[in-house]
Amino acid sequence: MGLEAVGTGLKTVLSNISGLRIFAPNELPDGIPELPCCLILHAGTKYNQSFGGTSSKQQHRFRVKIALTKQDTPSAFNKILDYLDITGSYSVYAKIEADTTLDGSCSDSWIIEDTGQGGFIWGGVTFLGTEFLVEAWE
């Protein structure tokens, strides 16, 4: 296992969301080549954590950023809702809940929160999207 493997496992689990281009932490682009797009960013690691009665586990956090458009448009806000839902073919939550081991790369994972709709800058361009905070235990 390891940080890179967990990030790649998260990409694998999300890869069956139709039409979503996904980048793992080890393959982040300088600019976003096409939309919609998902960027998986490492958000920190805690070492020697206890999980389920065992110790010496690593707890990784990832920011899963979904970019939908370069503009604030009502249709873009509506599209974000599909990713935020807990069910459905675009649901980030449903994809992670269906395989909490992230393709066997960790012992367990879950979504902590979604930060809501808003803008973020990537490669000098502002995008409209949303961000999930995901926690994974090795």
Protein backbone atom coordinates (compact mmCIF):
# COMPACT_ATOMS: atom_id res chain seq x y z
CA MET A 1 0.00 0.00 0.00
CA GLY A 2 1.16 3.58 0.46
CA LEU A 3 0.04 7.09 -0.26
CA GLU A 4 0.38 6.85 -4.03
CA ALA A 5 -1.49 3.53 -4.12
CA VAL A 6 -4.37 4.94 -2.05
CA GLY A 7 -4.65 7.98 -4.34
CA THR A 8 -4.68 5.71 -7.38
CA GLY A 9 -7.27 3.47 -5.69
CA LEU A 10 -9.49 6.49 -5.13
CA LYS A 11 -9.17 7.34 -8.83
CA THR A 12 -10.09 3.75 -9.76
CA VAL A 13 -13.23 3.79 -7.60
CA LEU A 14 -14.37 7.11 -9.10
CA SER A 15 -13.45 6.15 -12.68
CA ASN A 16 -16.86 4.67 -13.42
CA ILE A 17 -18.54 8.08 -13.19
CA SER A 18 -19.43 8.62 -16.84
CA GLY A 19 -17.66 11.47 -18.61
CA LEU A 20 -15.53 12.54 -15.61
CA ARG A 21 -11.81 12.90 -16.37
CA ILE A 22 -9.92 11.96 -13.17
CA PHE A 23 -6.35 12.73 -12.12
CA ALA A 24 -4.67 10.89 -9.21
CA PRO A 25 -2.23 12.79 -6.94
CA ASN A 26 0.79 11.55 -8.95
CA GLU A 27 -0.58 12.75 -12.31
CA LEU A 28 -1.99 16.22 -11.66
CA PRO A 29 -1.95 18.44 -14.78
CA ASP A 30 -0.66 22.03 -15.00
CA GLY A 31 -4.01 23.02 -16.50
CA ILE A 32 -7.39 21.34 -16.79
CA PRO A 33 -7.58 19.87 -20.30
CA GLU A 34 -11.31 19.13 -20.43
CA LEU A 35 -14.41 19.41 -18.28
CA PRO A 36 -15.85 17.90 -16.18
CA CYS A 37 -12.69 17.00 -14.35
CA CYS A 38 -11.75 15.52 -10.97
CA LEU A 39 -8.47 16.38 -9.24
CA ILE A 40 -7.39 14.18 -6.31
CA LEU A 41 -5.04 16.09 -4.01
CA HIS A 42 -3.22 14.77 -0.94
CA ALA A 43 -4.45 16.80 2.06
CA GLY A 44 -2.25 15.35 4.78
CA THR A 45 -1.24 12.19 6.62
CA LYS A 46 -1.33 11.33 10.31
CA TYR A 47 1.11 8.63 11.41
CA ASN A 48 0.85 5.99 14.13
CA GLN A 49 -2.90 6.29 14.43
CA SER A 50 -5.09 3.67 16.10
CA PHE A 51 -7.90 2.13 14.05
CA GLY A 52 -10.11 -0.79 15.05
CA GLY A 53 -7.94 -1.87 17.98
CA THR A 54 -4.69 -1.88 16.00
CA SER A 55 -1.96 0.74 15.95
CA SER A 56 0.74 2.01 13.57
CA LYS A 57 -1.78 2.86 10.88
CA GLN A 58 -1.50 5.81 8.55
CA GLN A 59 -4.52 8.03 8.09
CA HIS A 60 -4.48 9.83 4.72
CA ARG A 61 -6.77 12.66 3.71
CA PHE A 62 -7.55 13.65 0.15
CA ARG A 63 -9.32 16.63 -1.37
CA VAL A 64 -11.41 15.47 -4.33
CA LYS A 65 -12.06 18.59 -6.42
CA ILE A 66 -14.60 18.43 -9.23
CA ALA A 67 -14.47 21.20 -11.83
CA LEU A 68 -17.48 21.63 -14.09
CA THR A 69 -17.14 24.94 -15.91
CA LYS A 70 -15.14 28.14 -16.13
CA GLN A 71 -18.23 30.26 -15.46
CA ASP A 72 -20.88 30.64 -12.80
CA THR A 73 -23.91 29.41 -14.69
CA PRO A 74 -27.16 28.02 -13.29
CA SER A 75 -26.79 24.86 -15.39
CA ALA A 76 -23.36 24.20 -13.83
CA PHE A 77 -24.78 24.54 -10.32
CA ASN A 78 -27.48 22.03 -11.25
CA LYS A 79 -24.90 19.53 -12.55
CA ILE A 80 -22.95 19.70 -9.28
CA LEU A 81 -26.00 18.38 -7.44
CA ASP A 82 -25.67 15.01 -9.19
CA TYR A 83 -22.15 14.58 -7.75
CA LEU A 84 -23.34 15.57 -4.25
CA ASP A 85 -26.26 13.12 -4.08
CA ILE A 86 -25.79 9.95 -1.99
CA THR A 87 -27.18 7.75 -4.77
CA GLY A 88 -27.03 7.71 -8.54
CA SER A 89 -24.52 7.12 -11.29
CA TYR A 90 -22.71 10.46 -10.69
CA SER A 91 -22.65 10.20 -6.88
CA VAL A 92 -19.12 10.43 -5.44
CA TYR A 93 -20.49 9.19 -2.11
CA ALA A 94 -22.08 6.09 -3.68
CA LYS A 95 -18.88 5.17 -5.55
CA ILE A 96 -16.74 5.31 -2.39
CA GLU A 97 -19.35 3.50 -0.27
CA ALA A 98 -19.47 0.71 -2.87
CA ASP A 99 -15.73 0.00 -2.34
CA THR A 100 -14.41 1.50 0.89
CA THR A 101 -11.06 -0.29 0.39
CA LEU A 102 -10.50 1.89 -2.70
CA ASP A 103 -9.69 -1.04 -4.97
CA GLY A 104 -7.80 -2.81 -2.16
CA SER A 105 -5.40 0.08 -1.51
CA CYS A 106 -6.51 0.73 2.09
CA SER A 107 -8.38 -0.94 4.94
CA ASP A 108 -11.25 1.56 5.00
CA SER A 109 -12.29 4.98 3.71
CA TRP A 110 -15.18 7.42 3.86
CA ILE A 111 -16.21 10.92 2.86
CA ILE A 112 -15.96 13.35 5.76
CA GLU A 113 -17.70 16.26 4.05
CA ASP A 114 -18.37 18.24 0.91
CA THR A 115 -17.47 21.93 1.08
CA GLY A 116 -20.32 23.04 -1.19
CA GLN A 117 -20.40 24.80 -4.51
CA GLY A 118 -17.90 27.48 -5.33
CA GLY A 119 -14.97 28.62 -7.37
CA PHE A 120 -11.34 27.55 -7.24
CA ILE A 121 -8.25 28.44 -9.25
CA TRP A 122 -6.18 25.85 -11.12
CA GLY A 123 -3.44 26.83 -13.57
CA GLY A 124 -4.43 30.48 -13.31
CA VAL A 125 -8.04 29.80 -14.38
CA THR A 126 -11.09 30.01 -12.12
CA PHE A 127 -13.42 27.01 -12.24
CA LEU A 128 -16.81 26.36 -10.70
CA GLY A 129 -17.03 23.11 -8.78
CA THR A 130 -17.14 21.38 -5.44
CA GLU A 131 -14.69 19.63 -3.11
CA PHE A 132 -15.01 16.46 -1.03
CA LEU A 133 -12.75 15.61 1.88
CA VAL A 134 -12.02 11.86 1.93
CA GLU A 135 -10.23 9.95 4.69
CA ALA A 136 -8.50 6.61 4.12
CA TRP A 137 -6.79 4.25 6.57
CA GLU A 138 -3.91 1.99 5.57
